Amino acid sequence: MKLLITAAVLSATILTAPAMALSIDTSNLTRTLTFPSPITEPVTQDQVKPAK
């Protein structure tokens, strides 16, 4: 079983090596996340009161 797994890994590595050598551009597979800038709000002492 160990020999079978080793052979499978080595053959997969050999078969995928040409595809990795092509260096296919994968930068467009996921979107770039952008976040809006936070809105600054004035904080006053009377605005929020903790519950007792």
Protein backbone atom coordinates (compact mmCIF):
# COMPACT_ATOMS: atom_id res chain seq x y z
CA MET A 1 0.00 0.00 0.00
CA LYS A 2 2.85 2.36 0.85
CA LEU A 3 4.46 1.63 -2.52
CA LEU A 4 1.18 2.36 -4.32
CA ILE A 5 0.80 5.76 -2.62
CA THR A 6 4.41 6.66 -3.36
CA ALA A 7 3.99 5.69 -7.02
CA ALA A 8 0.77 7.73 -7.28
CA VAL A 9 2.37 10.83 -5.77
CA LEU A 10 5.45 10.59 -7.99
CA SER A 11 3.41 10.05 -11.14
CA ALA A 12 1.10 12.95 -10.29
CA THR A 13 4.14 15.17 -9.72
CA ILE A 14 5.66 14.18 -13.04
CA LEU A 15 2.38 14.70 -14.91
CA THR A 16 1.65 18.13 -13.40
CA ALA A 17 5.17 19.49 -13.79
CA PRO A 18 4.61 20.73 -17.38
CA ALA A 19 1.43 22.53 -16.33
CA MET A 20 3.29 24.28 -13.52
CA ALA A 21 6.10 25.21 -15.89
CA LEU A 22 3.65 27.11 -18.10
CA SER A 23 3.08 29.50 -15.18
CA ILE A 24 -0.58 30.07 -15.94
CA ASP A 25 -1.84 33.39 -14.58
CA THR A 26 -4.23 32.68 -11.72
CA SER A 27 -4.57 36.24 -10.42
CA ASN A 28 -8.03 36.67 -11.96
CA LEU A 29 -9.56 33.64 -10.20
CA THR A 30 -10.46 35.58 -7.06
CA ARG A 31 -11.67 39.11 -6.71
CA THR A 32 -9.65 41.74 -4.89
CA LEU A 33 -11.44 42.71 -1.71
CA THR A 34 -11.79 46.41 -1.06
CA PHE A 35 -13.32 47.87 2.05
CA PRO A 36 -14.82 51.34 2.39
CA SER A 37 -13.16 53.78 4.69
CA PRO A 38 -14.93 54.07 8.06
CA ILE A 39 -17.06 57.13 8.68
CA THR A 40 -15.87 59.16 11.61
CA GLU A 41 -18.69 60.13 13.92
CA PRO A 42 -18.33 62.47 16.85
CA VAL A 43 -18.47 60.66 20.15
CA THR A 44 -20.07 62.42 23.05
CA GLN A 45 -20.39 61.35 26.63
CA ASP A 46 -24.20 61.52 26.56
CA GLN A 47 -24.63 59.45 23.40
CA VAL A 48 -24.13 55.98 24.90
CA LYS A 49 -24.95 55.06 28.48
CA PRO A 50 -24.13 51.56 29.77
CA ALA A 51 -27.01 49.56 31.21
CA LYS A 52 -26.91 48.99 34.95
